[in-house]
Amino acid sequence: MTFTPTRDPHRTTREVEKSIYNQLVEYNTYPMFYIVVSYTTRGKSDIEKYNYKRLNHIHSTHKLIRRKLKEHFNPDIINMFQERHRGYQEKWYEGNLVSDIEIDNYHLDNDKIQYDDAVNNGRYHTNIIMSDFNIESVMENPTSRVKKLLTNNAYSTGIPIDHCFPYDNEYVLKCDLINACIRTINDVDKNSKRAVHIDELNDTQDIKYTLNYCLKECYNKGEDFNNIIDFNNSDILKEDL
């Protein structure tokens, strides 16, 4: 779907956001899942680190994530967004590490502040909004793919998922399975706790806040929504925006 540009870029973004919001709300099945995938550089080669700054590479990773989630759990909706890290620099004053707040509060002389090279500048991470799935159909006759996930460590406990049964909370089981599924992808660190984070969306307010957060770069930095929403790897296009 192609939008006709308007004089106010935020107006177009708001229209896109409203259309996606309406699609999610009309689906009307909760909980939904907000998933953040971070691509850590620990133990990665220089070319792998560089790939995390390339949008084409991130979209290829999105394609893998989407395919695996669909194959394992068959959710109706997976919407994917990419977000670029701003990066940061450590700052030093007379041999001491200082923060931006300390520089302002103590009125430090900017000419005497030394800056390290920018870290993580331009690297992406991924935001995903995914609909719920039928855990009973997944677990009643688990496929070979799902059986492999059960041997992975659960995010909730740190021990293999198949050692955690019976689960007291169905949502925790779903999160452990989603987490294990995404970590089968090479770009996602299998050991870092921060590589995959999952939150529960329980109502329209949760959806509204989360979707707005996914698009915040459009409002805060004037980024084109086409550079934030991965339309090719989302179910957004199944509805007319």
Protein backbone atom coordinates (compact mmCIF):
# COMPACT_ATOMS: atom_id res chain seq x y z
CA MET A 1 0.00 0.00 0.00
CA THR A 2 1.44 3.40 -1.00
CA PHE A 3 0.43 6.56 0.81
CA THR A 4 0.13 9.92 -0.90
CA PRO A 5 2.54 12.33 0.85
CA THR A 6 1.04 15.33 2.65
CA ARG A 7 2.56 18.63 3.72
CA ASP A 8 2.56 17.48 7.34
CA PRO A 9 4.65 14.26 7.61
CA HIS A 10 3.31 13.61 11.10
CA ARG A 11 -0.22 13.61 9.75
CA THR A 12 0.63 10.74 7.41
CA THR A 13 2.37 8.85 10.21
CA ARG A 14 -0.64 9.31 12.47
CA GLU A 15 -2.90 7.95 9.74
CA VAL A 16 -0.67 4.91 9.32
CA GLU A 17 -0.50 4.41 13.08
CA LYS A 18 -4.28 4.66 13.40
CA SER A 19 -4.83 2.11 10.63
CA ILE A 20 -2.46 -0.41 12.20
CA TYR A 21 -4.00 0.25 15.61
CA ASN A 22 -7.50 -0.38 14.25
CA GLN A 23 -6.39 -3.63 12.67
CA LEU A 24 -4.96 -4.87 15.98
CA VAL A 25 -7.95 -3.72 18.03
CA GLU A 26 -10.46 -5.23 15.63
CA TYR A 27 -8.66 -8.55 15.94
CA ASN A 28 -9.77 -8.36 19.60
CA THR A 29 -7.88 -11.33 20.99
CA TYR A 30 -5.65 -10.93 24.05
CA PRO A 31 -3.01 -11.13 25.20
CA MET A 32 -0.81 -9.94 22.39
CA PHE A 33 2.96 -9.96 22.65
CA TYR A 34 5.42 -7.09 22.37
CA ILE A 35 8.83 -8.58 21.59
CA VAL A 36 12.14 -6.71 21.47
CA VAL A 37 15.06 -8.44 19.76
CA SER A 38 18.53 -6.96 20.33
CA TYR A 39 21.53 -7.99 18.29
CA THR A 40 24.49 -8.17 20.65
CA THR A 41 28.02 -7.82 19.27
CA ARG A 42 29.70 -10.05 21.88
CA GLY A 43 31.82 -12.68 20.14
CA LYS A 44 30.86 -11.41 16.68
CA SER A 45 33.23 -10.75 13.80
CA ASP A 46 33.70 -7.28 12.33
CA ILE A 47 31.51 -8.13 9.33
CA GLU A 48 28.76 -9.48 11.62
CA LYS A 49 28.88 -6.29 13.68
CA TYR A 50 28.70 -4.23 10.50
CA ASN A 51 25.68 -6.23 9.30
CA TYR A 52 23.71 -5.05 12.33
CA LYS A 53 23.92 -1.56 10.82
CA ARG A 54 22.64 -2.67 7.40
CA LEU A 55 18.88 -2.43 6.92
CA ASN A 56 18.86 -5.11 4.21
CA HIS A 57 20.50 -7.55 6.60
CA ILE A 58 18.04 -6.71 9.38
CA HIS A 59 15.14 -7.29 6.99
CA SER A 60 16.62 -10.70 6.11
CA THR A 61 16.73 -11.49 9.83
CA HIS A 62 13.13 -10.29 10.16
CA LYS A 63 12.15 -12.73 7.43
CA LEU A 64 13.72 -15.59 9.38
CA ILE A 65 12.10 -14.53 12.67
CA ARG A 66 8.70 -14.21 11.04
CA ARG A 67 8.98 -17.57 9.26
CA LYS A 68 10.01 -19.40 12.42
CA LEU A 69 7.26 -17.84 14.53
CA LYS A 70 4.67 -18.76 11.89
CA GLU A 71 6.02 -22.32 11.55
CA HIS A 72 6.09 -22.99 15.27
CA PHE A 73 3.00 -21.15 16.54
CA ASN A 74 0.97 -19.97 13.53
CA PRO A 75 -0.09 -16.56 14.93
CA ASP A 76 -2.41 -14.56 12.70
CA ILE A 77 -0.54 -11.27 13.06
CA ILE A 78 3.15 -10.47 13.17
CA ASN A 79 4.06 -6.81 12.67
CA MET A 80 7.73 -5.87 12.62
CA PHE A 81 9.49 -2.55 13.16
CA GLN A 82 13.19 -1.69 13.11
CA GLU A 83 14.81 0.90 15.32
CA ARG A 84 18.32 2.30 14.98
CA HIS A 85 20.47 2.83 18.05
CA ARG A 86 21.70 6.37 18.54
CA GLY A 87 24.96 5.16 20.04
CA TYR A 88 26.81 6.79 22.90
CA GLN A 89 30.24 8.15 23.81
CA GLU A 90 32.03 7.92 27.11
CA LYS A 91 33.32 11.31 28.25
CA TRP A 92 36.35 12.09 30.41
CA TYR A 93 37.28 15.19 32.42
CA GLU A 94 40.77 15.45 33.94
CA GLY A 95 41.11 11.66 33.84
CA ASN A 96 37.67 10.95 35.37
CA LEU A 97 34.69 9.40 33.62
CA VAL A 98 31.79 11.89 33.67
CA SER A 99 28.15 11.85 32.60
CA ASP A 100 26.22 14.50 30.67
CA ILE A 101 24.38 15.41 33.87
CA GLU A 102 27.66 15.96 35.73
CA ILE A 103 28.98 18.10 32.87
CA ASP A 104 25.89 20.34 33.12
CA ASN A 105 25.59 20.40 36.93
CA TYR A 106 29.25 21.19 37.57
CA HIS A 107 29.60 23.52 34.56
CA LEU A 108 32.68 21.63 33.37
CA ASP A 109 34.81 23.27 30.71
CA ASN A 110 33.82 21.61 27.40
CA ASP A 111 37.27 22.34 25.97
CA LYS A 112 38.79 20.00 28.58
CA ILE A 113 36.38 17.10 27.97
CA GLN A 114 37.74 14.14 26.01
CA TYR A 115 35.43 11.88 24.00
CA ASP A 116 35.82 8.19 23.26
CA ASP A 117 34.71 6.76 19.92
CA ALA A 118 30.94 6.29 19.50
CA VAL A 119 29.74 2.84 20.58
CA ASN A 120 26.83 0.98 18.93
CA ASN A 121 26.21 3.91 16.60
CA GLY A 122 23.80 2.94 13.82
CA ARG A 123 23.11 -0.60 15.05
CA TYR A 124 19.50 -1.79 14.81
CA HIS A 125 17.19 -3.68 17.09
CA THR A 126 13.75 -5.06 16.29
CA ASN A 127 10.30 -4.39 17.77
CA ILE A 128 7.54 -6.95 17.11
CA ILE A 129 3.83 -6.94 17.89
CA MET A 130 2.45 -10.46 17.62
CA SER A 131 -1.05 -11.82 18.19
CA ASP A 132 -1.81 -14.67 20.57
CA PHE A 133 -1.69 -18.31 19.47
CA ASN A 134 -3.39 -21.55 20.51
CA ILE A 135 -0.99 -23.18 22.97
CA GLU A 136 -3.11 -26.33 23.21
CA SER A 137 -2.81 -27.05 19.49
CA VAL A 138 0.95 -26.38 19.69
CA MET A 139 1.52 -28.72 22.64
CA GLU A 140 -1.12 -31.42 22.10
CA ASN A 141 0.76 -32.99 19.19
CA PRO A 142 4.01 -31.00 19.06
CA THR A 143 5.86 -30.91 15.77
CA SER A 144 9.51 -31.87 15.58
CA ARG A 145 10.30 -28.12 15.53
CA VAL A 146 8.45 -27.55 18.81
CA LYS A 147 10.04 -30.64 20.40
CA LYS A 148 13.47 -29.15 19.68
CA LEU A 149 12.44 -25.92 21.43
CA LEU A 150 11.52 -27.88 24.55
CA THR A 151 15.16 -28.88 24.98
CA ASN A 152 16.26 -25.23 25.14
CA ASN A 153 16.58 -23.38 28.42
CA ALA A 154 13.50 -21.50 29.57
CA TYR A 155 13.90 -17.75 29.90
CA SER A 156 11.80 -17.87 33.08
CA THR A 157 13.92 -20.44 34.95
CA GLY A 158 17.17 -21.05 33.07
CA ILE A 159 16.57 -24.82 32.86
CA PRO A 160 15.27 -26.81 29.84
CA ILE A 161 11.64 -26.06 29.05
CA ASP A 162 10.63 -29.72 29.15
CA HIS A 163 11.84 -29.84 32.78
CA CYS A 164 9.50 -26.99 33.76
CA PHE A 165 6.22 -28.85 33.29
CA PRO A 166 3.60 -28.54 34.54
CA TYR A 167 3.54 -24.77 34.03
CA ASP A 168 1.34 -22.85 36.47
CA ASN A 169 0.99 -19.97 34.04
CA GLU A 170 0.17 -20.49 30.35
CA TYR A 171 1.53 -17.06 29.46
CA VAL A 172 4.95 -17.95 30.91
CA LEU A 173 5.05 -21.11 28.78
CA LYS A 174 4.21 -19.09 25.66
CA CYS A 175 6.95 -16.57 26.43
CA ASP A 176 9.51 -19.33 27.03
CA LEU A 177 8.62 -20.93 23.69
CA ILE A 178 8.72 -17.61 21.78
CA ASN A 179 12.05 -16.77 23.38
CA ALA A 180 13.56 -20.15 22.52
CA CYS A 181 12.23 -19.93 18.96
CA ILE A 182 13.78 -16.53 18.24
CA ARG A 183 17.11 -17.57 19.76
CA THR A 184 17.49 -20.34 17.15
CA ILE A 185 18.43 -17.58 14.67
CA ASN A 186 22.16 -16.98 14.26
CA ASP A 187 21.94 -13.20 14.68
CA VAL A 188 20.32 -13.56 18.11
CA ASP A 189 22.56 -14.32 21.09
CA LYS A 190 21.52 -17.62 22.68
CA ASN A 191 22.89 -16.75 26.12
CA SER A 192 22.35 -13.02 26.65
CA LYS A 193 19.27 -12.32 28.78
CA ARG A 194 18.85 -8.99 26.97
CA ALA A 195 18.73 -10.47 23.47
CA VAL A 196 14.98 -11.17 23.63
CA HIS A 197 12.49 -9.34 25.85
CA ILE A 198 8.74 -10.02 25.86
CA ASP A 199 5.89 -7.98 27.35
CA GLU A 200 2.20 -8.77 27.50
CA LEU A 201 -0.36 -6.49 25.81
CA ASN A 202 -3.71 -6.94 27.54
CA ASP A 203 -5.93 -4.16 26.23
CA THR A 204 -6.33 -1.36 23.72
CA GLN A 205 -4.29 1.06 25.83
CA ASP A 206 -1.34 -1.33 25.83
CA ILE A 207 -1.58 -1.59 22.05
CA LYS A 208 -1.87 2.17 21.62
CA TYR A 209 1.14 2.93 23.80
CA THR A 210 3.31 0.18 22.31
CA LEU A 211 2.52 1.02 18.69
CA ASN A 212 3.25 4.68 19.33
CA TYR A 213 6.54 3.68 20.94
CA CYS A 214 7.47 1.58 17.89
CA LEU A 215 6.94 4.66 15.70
CA LYS A 216 8.56 7.19 18.04
CA GLU A 217 11.47 7.85 15.66
CA CYS A 218 8.93 9.21 13.15
CA TYR A 219 7.67 11.78 15.64
CA ASN A 220 10.88 12.55 17.49
CA LYS A 221 13.38 12.56 14.62
CA GLY A 222 11.19 13.03 11.55
CA GLU A 223 12.02 9.55 10.24
CA ASP A 224 9.92 8.27 7.33
CA PHE A 225 7.57 5.52 8.55
CA ASN A 226 8.71 3.37 5.61
CA ASN A 227 12.13 3.23 7.30
CA ILE A 228 10.58 2.05 10.57
CA ILE A 229 7.85 -0.39 9.54
CA ASP A 230 9.00 -3.55 7.79
CA PHE A 231 5.97 -3.93 5.54
CA ASN A 232 7.43 -6.89 3.64
CA ASN A 233 7.70 -8.95 6.82
CA SER A 234 4.45 -7.87 8.46
CA ASP A 235 0.78 -8.77 8.22
CA ILE A 236 -0.13 -5.09 7.96
CA LEU A 237 -0.57 -5.38 4.21
CA LYS A 238 -3.41 -7.88 4.64
CA GLU A 239 -5.61 -4.93 5.49
CA ASP A 240 -6.07 -1.69 3.58
CA LEU A 241 -4.33 1.05 5.48
